[in-house]
């Protein structure tokens, strides 16, 4: 078909579709080359405060960071909302040295594990985190094993 016979709207739509396809292909290639690592998160019915902290540690273990960075994870509080419970955790990072075992600066990552009151208890917990002094909320895609088959 010749572009002279296509309307401007059809050409614009074709270009938009092509751009979307290219963008999706590039994103897929990036994910193949640099896959986002995740863990299998526990189900809502199996959740405990300590298991939540252990799972956060397990998730952090998938990250790549210099071995000089040390961290401590701790449970902060439970928040009850109308449709869920939220469990708040903080992971404090620092680089202690033999000269300065108590570091002057730290960086924190705040995790939130959400347990739904209305969704099936067999679903995995929902997990979010925020880097200190940052507003962007990272959502960790739970990886329920029944979706992988």
Foldseek 3Di string as FASTA:
>chain_A
DDVVPDDPVVVVVVVVVVVVVVVVVVVVVVCVVPPQDADAFQFQVPDDLVSVQVRVVVGVVVDDDDPQKDKDKDWDDWDDDDFKIKTKMKIKIDRADPVRNPDPDIWIKMKIWIRTNPDDRRHGIWMWIDTPPGDDIHTDDHDHPVVVD
